[in-house]
């Protein structure tokens, strides 16, 4: 009888806890979708990025082919983190990247951030992969393999960073796993925001989501 009573109380507490968990605001460890009804809900840019009706963020091809168009980057608003997971589907006609740990979103030109490279690897002509191949971490960490799909196909990127230990996966294959406290990356910021690079080439993004893993969030 006593055991049955405790079981009943446990079930009631579980139900009540589940109710509040469902109705509670996003927790630090929840996945946060970053593509909503309007591009400006989560992002800011002076560039040509647009949110299509199918939920894809698209950057058309531009005349310039360089990365110093900082005002045209797609910058995630109101996020400043050390530890995180982010994943998304992407494709590009050649070159883009995800900047992370940006200490000052208004000063991208200071280049105190790190970058995970988005590159159309069918255009990679060197015999060995470098840090500018897809999944490379700039500065200084080339991917260990080419896990990208054929040209014009969607690729899935997953990035997890804990205490500057980063793992990058493309299409569910780990392509980079490094300690960012070492080498040139160790001289750069360990905390900050995110931005997608405008390099002048066309870019498509979808299913972008973020999980914040900071204990103090």
Protein backbone atom coordinates (compact mmCIF):
# COMPACT_ATOMS: atom_id res chain seq x y z
CA UNK A 1 0.00 0.00 0.00
CA UNK A 2 2.78 2.42 1.00
CA UNK A 3 4.74 1.60 -2.15
CA UNK A 4 1.67 2.23 -4.27
CA UNK A 5 1.19 5.60 -2.57
CA UNK A 6 4.78 6.68 -3.34
CA UNK A 7 4.40 5.53 -6.93
CA UNK A 8 1.29 7.69 -7.28
CA UNK A 9 3.07 10.74 -5.83
CA UNK A 10 6.07 10.18 -8.13
CA UNK A 11 3.81 9.99 -11.19
CA UNK A 12 2.06 13.23 -10.19
CA UNK A 13 5.36 15.05 -9.69
CA UNK A 14 6.68 13.77 -13.02
CA UNK A 15 3.54 14.98 -14.79
CA UNK A 16 3.72 18.42 -13.16
CA UNK A 17 7.45 18.72 -13.94
CA UNK A 18 6.87 17.73 -17.55
CA UNK A 19 4.12 20.35 -17.84
CA UNK A 20 6.37 23.17 -16.65
CA UNK A 21 9.27 21.95 -18.80
CA UNK A 22 7.13 22.06 -21.93
CA UNK A 23 5.77 25.53 -21.13
CA UNK A 24 9.05 27.03 -19.94
CA UNK A 25 11.22 29.42 -22.01
CA UNK A 26 14.13 28.01 -23.97
CA UNK A 27 16.79 26.56 -21.69
CA UNK A 28 20.49 27.02 -22.35
CA UNK A 29 20.74 23.48 -23.69
CA UNK A 30 17.73 23.66 -26.02
CA UNK A 31 18.19 23.87 -29.77
CA UNK A 32 17.24 27.39 -30.86
CA UNK A 33 16.03 27.73 -34.49
CA UNK A 34 17.67 30.73 -36.16
CA UNK A 35 15.49 31.00 -39.25
CA UNK A 36 12.09 32.46 -38.41
CA UNK A 37 9.42 34.34 -40.34
CA UNK A 38 11.64 37.33 -41.08
CA UNK A 39 15.40 37.40 -41.64
CA UNK A 40 15.69 40.37 -39.28
CA UNK A 41 14.25 38.33 -36.38
CA UNK A 42 17.69 36.86 -35.67
CA UNK A 43 20.09 38.39 -38.19
CA UNK A 44 21.42 41.74 -39.28
CA UNK A 45 23.16 42.66 -42.56
CA UNK A 46 23.60 45.47 -45.05
CA UNK A 47 24.20 42.91 -47.79
CA UNK A 48 21.97 41.09 -50.25
CA UNK A 49 21.03 38.11 -48.05
CA UNK A 50 17.33 37.28 -48.33
CA UNK A 51 14.94 34.78 -46.79
CA UNK A 52 13.06 32.87 -49.48
CA UNK A 53 9.51 31.55 -49.16
CA UNK A 54 10.86 28.00 -48.77
CA UNK A 55 12.78 28.96 -45.61
CA UNK A 56 16.19 29.08 -47.33
CA UNK A 57 18.50 32.03 -46.74
CA UNK A 58 20.14 32.95 -50.05
CA UNK A 59 22.99 35.27 -50.96
CA UNK A 60 23.16 35.91 -54.73
CA UNK A 61 26.47 36.00 -56.60
CA UNK A 62 28.17 39.39 -56.39
CA UNK A 63 30.63 41.21 -58.66
CA UNK A 64 33.41 41.31 -56.08
CA UNK A 65 35.34 38.19 -55.08
CA UNK A 66 36.97 39.04 -51.75
CA UNK A 67 36.08 38.73 -48.06
CA UNK A 68 36.53 42.31 -46.83
CA UNK A 69 32.87 43.27 -47.29
CA UNK A 70 32.26 43.08 -43.55
CA UNK A 71 29.12 45.22 -43.59
CA UNK A 72 27.56 42.66 -45.95
CA UNK A 73 28.10 39.67 -43.66
CA UNK A 74 25.08 37.92 -42.16
CA UNK A 75 25.51 38.57 -38.43
CA UNK A 76 23.62 36.73 -35.70
CA UNK A 77 22.14 39.19 -33.22
CA UNK A 78 22.42 39.18 -29.43
CA UNK A 79 24.58 36.08 -28.96
CA UNK A 80 27.86 36.02 -27.02
CA UNK A 81 29.04 32.52 -26.13
CA UNK A 82 32.07 30.40 -25.35
CA UNK A 83 30.61 26.88 -25.58
CA UNK A 84 28.09 25.95 -28.23
CA UNK A 85 26.77 23.62 -30.87
CA UNK A 86 25.53 24.90 -34.20
CA UNK A 87 24.36 23.00 -37.23
CA UNK A 88 22.91 23.86 -40.63
CA UNK A 89 22.60 22.78 -44.23
CA UNK A 90 24.62 24.74 -46.76
CA UNK A 91 25.89 25.01 -50.29
CA UNK A 92 27.91 27.62 -52.16
CA UNK A 93 29.18 28.23 -55.66
CA UNK A 94 32.67 28.47 -54.18
CA UNK A 95 33.53 30.15 -50.87
CA UNK A 96 31.95 31.30 -47.63
CA UNK A 97 32.48 30.59 -43.95
CA UNK A 98 31.02 30.71 -40.47
CA UNK A 99 32.83 33.15 -38.20
CA UNK A 100 32.56 32.35 -34.49
CA UNK A 101 33.84 33.78 -31.20
CA UNK A 102 33.60 37.28 -32.70
CA UNK A 103 34.35 39.53 -29.68
CA UNK A 104 32.91 42.69 -31.27
CA UNK A 105 30.36 42.26 -34.04
CA UNK A 106 30.91 45.87 -35.12
CA UNK A 107 34.64 45.26 -35.61
CA UNK A 108 34.85 42.18 -37.85
CA UNK A 109 37.82 43.76 -39.60
CA UNK A 110 39.92 43.23 -36.47
CA UNK A 111 39.90 39.49 -37.31
CA UNK A 112 40.10 38.34 -33.70
CA UNK A 113 37.59 35.55 -34.38
CA UNK A 114 37.91 32.02 -35.77
CA UNK A 115 36.24 30.59 -38.88
CA UNK A 116 34.93 27.26 -40.09
CA UNK A 117 35.30 27.22 -43.85
CA UNK A 118 32.44 26.58 -46.28
CA UNK A 119 33.94 25.71 -49.65
CA UNK A 120 32.80 23.94 -52.80
CA UNK A 121 35.43 21.21 -52.68
CA UNK A 122 34.98 20.21 -56.32
CA UNK A 123 36.91 23.44 -57.00
CA UNK A 124 39.79 22.53 -54.66
CA UNK A 125 42.75 22.00 -57.00
CA UNK A 126 45.65 21.50 -54.58
CA UNK A 127 46.91 17.94 -53.89
CA UNK A 128 46.33 18.27 -50.14
CA UNK A 129 43.47 19.85 -48.23
CA UNK A 130 44.22 23.15 -46.49
CA UNK A 131 42.41 25.18 -43.88
CA UNK A 132 40.37 26.87 -46.65
CA UNK A 133 38.78 23.55 -47.75
CA UNK A 134 35.31 22.70 -46.44
CA UNK A 135 35.47 22.03 -42.71
CA UNK A 136 38.84 23.73 -42.32
CA UNK A 137 39.30 25.94 -39.28
CA UNK A 138 40.96 29.28 -39.92
CA UNK A 139 43.61 29.95 -38.89
CA UNK A 140 45.72 26.89 -39.42
CA UNK A 141 43.70 23.66 -39.19
CA UNK A 142 43.00 21.74 -42.41
CA UNK A 143 40.26 19.09 -42.43
CA UNK A 144 41.38 15.47 -42.30
CA UNK A 145 39.14 14.38 -45.17
CA UNK A 146 36.78 15.57 -47.88
CA UNK A 147 33.27 14.59 -46.78
CA UNK A 148 31.43 17.02 -49.06
CA UNK A 149 28.85 15.92 -51.60
CA UNK A 150 29.07 16.61 -55.31
CA UNK A 151 28.73 20.15 -56.62
CA UNK A 152 25.34 21.87 -56.22
CA UNK A 153 24.19 19.42 -53.54
CA UNK A 154 23.32 20.35 -49.98
CA UNK A 155 25.86 19.56 -47.26
CA UNK A 156 25.15 19.31 -43.53
CA UNK A 157 27.53 20.98 -41.08
CA UNK A 158 27.66 20.31 -37.34
CA UNK A 159 30.06 22.17 -35.05
CA UNK A 160 30.57 21.59 -31.33
CA UNK A 161 32.94 23.75 -29.28
CA UNK A 162 33.62 23.16 -25.56
CA UNK A 163 36.46 25.00 -23.80
CA UNK A 164 38.00 25.76 -27.20
CA UNK A 165 38.03 22.05 -28.12
CA UNK A 166 36.17 21.97 -31.44
CA UNK A 167 34.73 19.14 -33.52
CA UNK A 168 33.49 19.79 -37.05
CA UNK A 169 31.40 17.24 -38.95
CA UNK A 170 30.22 17.36 -42.55
CA UNK A 171 27.44 15.00 -43.59
CA UNK A 172 27.84 13.12 -40.28
CA UNK A 173 31.58 12.52 -40.77
CA UNK A 174 34.09 14.15 -38.43
CA UNK A 175 36.49 16.17 -40.59
CA UNK A 176 38.24 18.28 -37.94
CA UNK A 177 38.86 17.86 -34.23
CA UNK A 178 41.40 20.22 -32.71
CA UNK A 179 42.45 22.17 -29.65
CA UNK A 180 41.97 25.83 -30.53
CA UNK A 181 44.12 26.92 -27.60
CA UNK A 182 47.16 25.93 -29.67
CA UNK A 183 48.77 27.60 -32.67
CA UNK A 184 47.57 30.85 -34.23
CA UNK A 185 43.96 30.19 -33.19
CA UNK A 186 45.06 30.28 -29.55
CA UNK A 187 45.83 33.99 -29.92
CA UNK A 188 42.24 34.78 -30.89
CA UNK A 189 39.06 35.33 -28.91
CA UNK A 190 37.55 32.45 -26.94
CA UNK A 191 34.10 34.04 -26.71
CA UNK A 192 31.76 36.00 -28.95
CA UNK A 193 29.15 35.92 -31.68
CA UNK A 194 28.62 34.43 -35.14
CA UNK A 195 28.46 35.62 -38.75
CA UNK A 196 28.29 34.05 -42.20
CA UNK A 197 30.82 35.44 -44.66
CA UNK A 198 30.01 37.26 -47.89
CA UNK A 199 32.90 36.39 -50.21
CA UNK A 200 31.10 37.44 -53.38
CA UNK A 201 29.93 33.90 -54.22
CA UNK A 202 26.38 32.59 -53.99
CA UNK A 203 25.42 30.92 -50.70
CA UNK A 204 22.36 28.98 -49.54
CA UNK A 205 21.58 28.15 -45.89
CA UNK A 206 18.71 26.28 -44.24
CA UNK A 207 17.80 24.58 -40.96
CA UNK A 208 20.21 26.78 -39.01
CA UNK A 209 20.00 26.17 -35.26
CA UNK A 210 22.12 26.89 -32.19
CA UNK A 211 22.57 25.22 -28.80
CA UNK A 212 24.22 27.37 -26.12
CA UNK A 213 26.30 25.28 -23.71
CA UNK A 214 27.65 27.97 -21.38
CA UNK A 215 26.92 27.21 -17.73
CA UNK A 216 26.44 30.91 -16.96
CA UNK A 217 23.80 31.45 -19.68
